[in-house]
N, C-alpha and C. Protein backbone atom coordinates (compact mmCIF):
# COMPACT_ATOMS: atom_id res chain seq x y z
N MET A 1 0.56 -1.48 0.01
CA MET A 1 -0.07 0.20 -0.20
C MET A 1 0.74 1.39 0.16
N ALA A 2 0.78 2.81 -0.83
CA ALA A 2 1.70 3.36 -0.66
C ALA A 2 1.47 4.21 0.31
N PRO A 3 2.31 4.73 0.82
CA PRO A 3 2.56 6.03 1.75
C PRO A 3 1.38 7.06 1.64
N GLY A 4 0.58 6.74 3.43
CA GLY A 4 -0.40 7.85 2.96
C GLY A 4 -1.98 7.49 2.67
N THR A 5 -1.75 6.22 1.76
CA THR A 5 -2.95 5.42 2.03
C THR A 5 -3.81 4.65 2.70
N SER A 6 -4.51 4.28 2.75
CA SER A 6 -5.29 3.45 4.48
C SER A 6 -6.50 2.51 3.77
N ILE A 7 -7.23 1.64 4.05
CA ILE A 7 -7.50 0.60 4.15
C ILE A 7 -9.17 1.37 3.91
N VAL A 8 -10.35 1.40 3.39
CA VAL A 8 -11.38 2.19 3.81
C VAL A 8 -12.77 1.74 4.48
N ASP A 9 -13.67 1.99 4.72
CA ASP A 9 -14.24 1.63 5.07
C ASP A 9 -15.67 1.76 4.63
N ASP A 10 -15.53 2.15 3.20
CA ASP A 10 -16.21 1.93 2.65
C ASP A 10 -16.96 0.92 1.28
N GLY A 11 -17.38 -0.11 1.46
CA GLY A 11 -17.13 -1.29 0.50
C GLY A 11 -17.65 -1.06 -0.56
N ASP A 12 -18.82 0.17 -1.02
CA ASP A 12 -19.13 0.24 -2.11
C ASP A 12 -18.43 -0.17 -3.44
N PHE A 13 -17.20 -0.02 -3.47
CA PHE A 13 -16.39 0.07 -4.56
C PHE A 13 -15.89 -1.57 -4.64
N LEU A 14 -16.17 -2.22 -4.01
CA LEU A 14 -16.16 -3.77 -3.97
C LEU A 14 -16.90 -4.43 -5.01
N GLU A 15 -17.04 -4.44 -5.97
CA GLU A 15 -18.05 -5.02 -7.22
C GLU A 15 -17.17 -6.05 -8.09
N SER A 16 -16.08 -5.52 -8.23
CA SER A 16 -15.41 -6.71 -9.32
C SER A 16 -14.01 -7.59 -8.30
N GLY A 17 -14.01 -9.01 -9.16
CA GLY A 17 -12.76 -9.49 -8.52
C GLY A 17 -11.67 -9.07 -8.41
N GLN A 18 -11.18 -8.31 -9.35
CA GLN A 18 -9.68 -7.98 -9.37
C GLN A 18 -9.98 -6.67 -8.35
N THR A 19 -11.11 -6.05 -8.17
CA THR A 19 -10.76 -4.93 -6.87
C THR A 19 -10.98 -5.40 -5.43
N ILE A 20 -11.41 -6.44 -5.61
CA ILE A 20 -11.54 -7.23 -4.28
C ILE A 20 -10.14 -7.94 -4.09
N GLU A 21 -9.45 -8.34 -5.17
CA GLU A 21 -8.13 -8.82 -5.03
C GLU A 21 -7.40 -8.05 -4.87
N GLU A 22 -6.98 -6.56 -5.18
CA GLU A 22 -6.37 -5.84 -5.04
C GLU A 22 -6.61 -4.85 -3.68
N TYR A 23 -7.81 -4.91 -3.06
CA TYR A 23 -8.48 -4.56 -1.93
C TYR A 23 -7.68 -5.28 -1.11
N ILE A 24 -7.95 -6.66 -0.72
CA ILE A 24 -7.00 -7.68 0.09
C ILE A 24 -5.60 -7.65 0.15
N ARG A 25 -5.22 -7.36 -1.46
CA ARG A 25 -3.48 -7.41 -1.34
C ARG A 25 -2.77 -6.13 -0.72
N ALA A 26 -3.66 -5.15 -0.70
CA ALA A 26 -3.41 -3.67 0.27
C ALA A 26 -3.44 -3.96 1.76
N ALA A 27 -4.56 -5.01 1.86
CA ALA A 27 -4.35 -5.12 3.52
C ALA A 27 -3.31 -5.93 3.68
N PHE A 28 -2.96 -6.69 3.37
CA PHE A 28 -1.87 -7.72 3.29
C PHE A 28 -0.56 -7.05 3.73
N GLU A 29 -0.41 -5.91 2.55
CA GLU A 29 0.70 -5.36 2.80
C GLU A 29 0.93 -4.52 3.71
N THR A 30 -0.33 -4.13 4.76
CA THR A 30 0.35 -3.26 5.55
C THR A 30 0.70 -4.14 6.90
N GLU A 31 0.50 -5.42 6.57
CA GLU A 31 1.58 -6.54 7.45
C GLU A 31 0.75 -5.80 9.15
N ASP A 32 -0.77 -5.87 8.95
CA ASP A 32 -1.32 -5.38 10.11
C ASP A 32 -2.67 -6.15 10.23
N ALA A 33 -2.80 -7.30 11.44
CA ALA A 33 -3.90 -8.21 11.38
C ALA A 33 -5.02 -7.42 11.51
N MET A 34 -5.18 -6.52 12.12
CA MET A 34 -6.69 -5.92 12.72
C MET A 34 -7.02 -5.18 11.10
N SER A 35 -5.97 -4.94 10.14
CA SER A 35 -6.55 -4.40 8.98
C SER A 35 -6.84 -4.94 8.03
N ILE A 36 -5.91 -6.53 7.85
CA ILE A 36 -6.53 -7.55 7.01
C ILE A 36 -7.93 -7.99 7.48
N THR A 37 -7.67 -8.35 8.69
CA THR A 37 -9.47 -8.75 9.37
C THR A 37 -10.67 -7.71 8.59
N LYS A 38 -10.56 -6.21 8.97
CA LYS A 38 -11.26 -5.77 8.58
C LYS A 38 -11.37 -5.61 7.18
N ALA A 39 -10.68 -5.63 6.24
CA ALA A 39 -10.63 -5.43 4.63
C ALA A 39 -11.37 -6.99 4.59
N LEU A 40 -11.30 -8.02 5.37
CA LEU A 40 -12.12 -9.47 4.72
C LEU A 40 -13.62 -9.21 5.50
N GLY A 41 -13.82 -8.42 6.15
CA GLY A 41 -14.89 -7.94 6.76
C GLY A 41 -15.75 -7.19 5.80
N MET A 42 -14.99 -6.05 5.08
CA MET A 42 -15.60 -4.87 4.14
C MET A 42 -16.17 -6.06 2.87
N VAL A 43 -15.12 -7.34 2.16
CA VAL A 43 -15.52 -7.94 1.42
C VAL A 43 -16.60 -8.72 1.45
N ALA A 44 -16.61 -9.19 2.57
CA ALA A 44 -17.98 -10.13 3.44
C ALA A 44 -19.11 -9.44 3.19
N ARG A 45 -19.21 -7.99 3.44
CA ARG A 45 -20.34 -7.31 4.01
C ARG A 45 -20.48 -6.83 2.45
N ALA A 46 -19.80 -6.61 1.30
CA ALA A 46 -20.10 -6.31 0.13
C ALA A 46 -20.69 -7.37 -0.53
N SER A 47 -20.31 -8.74 -0.28
CA SER A 47 -21.09 -9.69 -1.04
C SER A 47 -22.47 -10.31 -0.27
N SER A 48 -22.58 -11.72 0.14
CA SER A 48 -23.47 -11.96 1.11
C SER A 48 -22.81 -12.40 2.43
N MET A 49 -22.98 -11.80 3.24
CA MET A 49 -22.81 -12.23 4.64
C MET A 49 -23.37 -13.45 5.35
N SER A 50 -24.63 -13.63 4.68
CA SER A 50 -25.45 -14.59 5.47
C SER A 50 -24.81 -15.93 4.04
N GLN A 51 -24.61 -16.05 2.89
CA GLN A 51 -23.97 -16.85 2.24
C GLN A 51 -22.34 -17.42 3.18
N LEU A 52 -21.96 -16.35 3.19
CA LEU A 52 -20.51 -16.32 3.65
C LEU A 52 -20.55 -17.07 4.88
N ALA A 53 -21.41 -16.96 6.11
CA ALA A 53 -21.68 -17.78 7.09
C ALA A 53 -22.31 -18.98 7.02
N ARG A 54 -22.73 -19.35 5.97
CA ARG A 54 -22.96 -20.77 5.80
C ARG A 54 -21.86 -21.56 5.52
N ASP A 55 -21.25 -20.72 4.39
CA ASP A 55 -20.05 -21.84 3.62
C ASP A 55 -19.08 -21.88 4.78
N VAL A 56 -18.71 -20.75 5.88
CA VAL A 56 -17.55 -20.95 6.28
C VAL A 56 -18.13 -21.60 7.82
N GLY A 57 -19.61 -21.90 8.21
CA GLY A 57 -19.89 -22.79 9.27
C GLY A 57 -19.96 -21.91 10.32
N MET A 58 -20.16 -20.54 10.31
CA MET A 58 -20.16 -19.79 11.99
C MET A 58 -21.97 -19.30 11.37
N SER A 59 -22.37 -18.85 12.69
CA SER A 59 -23.70 -17.60 12.56
C SER A 59 -22.91 -16.01 11.81
N ARG A 60 -24.08 -15.86 11.27
CA ARG A 60 -23.86 -14.83 10.96
C ARG A 60 -23.17 -13.36 11.84
N SER A 61 -24.07 -13.78 13.05
CA SER A 61 -23.45 -12.58 13.78
C SER A 61 -22.01 -12.67 14.66
N ALA A 62 -21.70 -14.06 14.56
CA ALA A 62 -19.88 -14.34 14.81
C ALA A 62 -19.22 -14.28 13.86
N LEU A 63 -19.75 -14.43 12.54
CA LEU A 63 -18.68 -13.52 11.36
C LEU A 63 -18.71 -12.29 11.56
N TYR A 64 -19.79 -11.61 11.65
CA TYR A 64 -19.48 -9.83 11.79
C TYR A 64 -18.80 -9.93 12.81
N ARG A 65 -18.68 -10.46 14.03
CA ARG A 65 -17.84 -9.69 15.13
C ARG A 65 -16.18 -10.25 15.00
N ALA A 66 -16.34 -11.76 14.22
CA ALA A 66 -14.92 -12.23 13.86
C ALA A 66 -13.99 -11.21 12.84
N LEU A 67 -14.95 -10.49 12.15
CA LEU A 67 -14.65 -9.75 10.36
C LEU A 67 -14.63 -8.04 11.21
N SER A 68 -14.80 -7.81 11.96
CA SER A 68 -14.96 -6.52 12.97
C SER A 68 -13.60 -5.83 12.85
N GLY A 69 -12.58 -6.13 12.98
CA GLY A 69 -11.36 -5.68 13.13
C GLY A 69 -11.00 -5.02 14.59
N ASP A 70 -11.72 -5.52 15.55
CA ASP A 70 -11.54 -4.93 17.14
C ASP A 70 -11.25 -6.50 17.41
N ARG A 71 -11.46 -7.68 16.99
CA ARG A 71 -10.63 -8.58 17.82
C ARG A 71 -9.69 -9.32 16.48
N ASN A 72 -8.88 -10.56 17.42
CA ASN A 72 -8.54 -11.55 16.02
C ASN A 72 -9.04 -12.57 16.31
N PRO A 73 -9.39 -12.62 14.96
CA PRO A 73 -10.33 -14.56 14.96
C PRO A 73 -9.29 -15.41 14.71
N GLU A 74 -9.63 -16.42 14.98
CA GLU A 74 -8.84 -17.49 14.98
C GLU A 74 -8.36 -17.84 13.46
N PHE A 75 -6.80 -18.25 13.35
CA PHE A 75 -6.60 -18.33 11.56
C PHE A 75 -7.21 -19.15 11.09
N ALA A 76 -7.77 -20.00 11.43
CA ALA A 76 -8.33 -20.69 10.86
C ALA A 76 -9.61 -20.42 10.34
N THR A 77 -9.93 -19.31 10.90
CA THR A 77 -11.64 -18.54 10.41
C THR A 77 -11.30 -17.81 9.15
N ILE A 78 -9.34 -17.21 9.15
CA ILE A 78 -9.36 -16.30 8.26
C ILE A 78 -9.19 -17.25 7.18
N LEU A 79 -8.63 -18.35 7.15
CA LEU A 79 -8.62 -19.66 6.05
C LEU A 79 -9.83 -19.97 5.41
N LYS A 80 -10.53 -19.91 6.18
CA LYS A 80 -12.25 -20.30 5.58
C LYS A 80 -12.94 -19.03 5.02
N VAL A 81 -12.68 -18.21 5.81
CA VAL A 81 -13.62 -16.96 5.04
C VAL A 81 -12.68 -16.68 3.60
N MET A 82 -11.81 -16.77 3.41
CA MET A 82 -10.72 -16.62 2.42
C MET A 82 -10.95 -17.57 1.57
N LYS A 83 -11.03 -18.69 1.42
CA LYS A 83 -11.80 -19.72 0.59
C LYS A 83 -13.14 -19.66 0.21
N ALA A 84 -13.68 -18.94 1.05
CA ALA A 84 -15.29 -19.17 0.70
C ALA A 84 -15.52 -17.76 -0.05
N LEU A 85 -14.69 -16.61 0.45
CA LEU A 85 -14.43 -15.69 -0.82
C LEU A 85 -13.93 -16.02 -2.33
N GLY A 86 -13.29 -17.58 -2.34
CA GLY A 86 -12.49 -17.42 -3.62
C GLY A 86 -11.13 -16.76 -3.54
N LEU A 87 -10.64 -16.47 -2.40
CA LEU A 87 -9.14 -15.87 -2.39
C LEU A 87 -8.14 -17.33 -1.81
N LYS A 88 -6.91 -17.11 -2.24
CA LYS A 88 -6.18 -17.83 -1.97
C LYS A 88 -4.90 -16.92 -1.16
N LEU A 89 -4.44 -17.76 -0.02
CA LEU A 89 -3.44 -17.05 0.77
C LEU A 89 -2.14 -18.05 0.29
N ARG A 90 -1.04 -16.86 0.04
CA ARG A 90 0.21 -17.24 -0.74
C ARG A 90 1.47 -16.92 0.35
N SER A 91 2.25 -17.88 0.08
CA SER A 91 3.60 -17.20 1.14
C SER A 91 4.29 -16.90 -0.09
N GLU A 92 5.79 -15.58 0.05
CA GLU A 92 6.47 -15.55 -0.49
C GLU A 92 7.63 -14.87 0.07
N PRO A 93 8.53 -15.10 0.07
CA PRO A 93 10.05 -14.58 0.81
C PRO A 93 10.05 -13.08 0.85
N GLY A 94 10.32 -12.57 1.91
CA GLY A 94 10.61 -11.29 1.75
C GLY A 94 11.58 -10.43 2.61
N ASN A 95 12.02 -9.43 2.68
CA ASN A 95 13.40 -9.24 3.15
C ASN A 95 13.73 -9.88 4.46
N GLY A 96 14.97 -10.65 4.49
CA GLY A 96 14.94 -11.12 5.97
C GLY A 96 14.01 -12.75 6.28
N HIS A 97 13.72 -13.00 5.43
CA HIS A 97 13.03 -14.22 5.71
C HIS A 97 13.94 -15.33 6.26
N ALA A 98 12.95 -16.49 6.69
CA ALA A 98 13.73 -17.29 7.56
C ALA A 98 14.92 -18.36 7.01
N GLY A 99 14.71 -18.54 5.90
CA GLY A 99 15.38 -19.11 5.13
C GLY A 99 17.03 -18.61 4.90
N ASP A 100 16.94 -17.10 5.00
CA ASP A 100 17.73 -16.44 4.69
C ASP A 100 19.15 -16.11 5.78
N LYS A 101 20.10 -16.76 5.37
CA LYS A 101 21.08 -17.10 6.05
C LYS A 101 21.90 -15.81 6.64
N THR A 102 21.99 -14.52 5.34
CA THR A 102 22.54 -13.56 5.87
C THR A 102 21.96 -12.38 6.40
N ALA A 103 20.84 -12.53 6.63
CA ALA A 103 19.81 -11.43 7.51
C ALA A 103 20.44 -11.42 9.09
N ALA A 104 20.65 -10.16 9.50
CA ALA A 104 20.74 -9.89 10.85
C ALA A 104 20.22 -10.07 11.74
């Protein structure tokens, strides 16, 4: 995410798969768990929260709470939400990743 930008609270722009993908990518680039959770919540609310709750196996209200950005949901919940939204979590090396023997 570019300096000076932030995850917005209005999900009206989340209409296409590409926009959703870019929005989630930007949230992950913050490396902030609450921003990621809140972004997933925005995408969930822009789609069908009721259907997503069924797909994830949670009540709608529990899913709203988990994705509010006010708490840290279980990692398993994040994975289930991403899968139900058609998103994949991928890993790629960054600066100083665990396998880098030259990192200080």
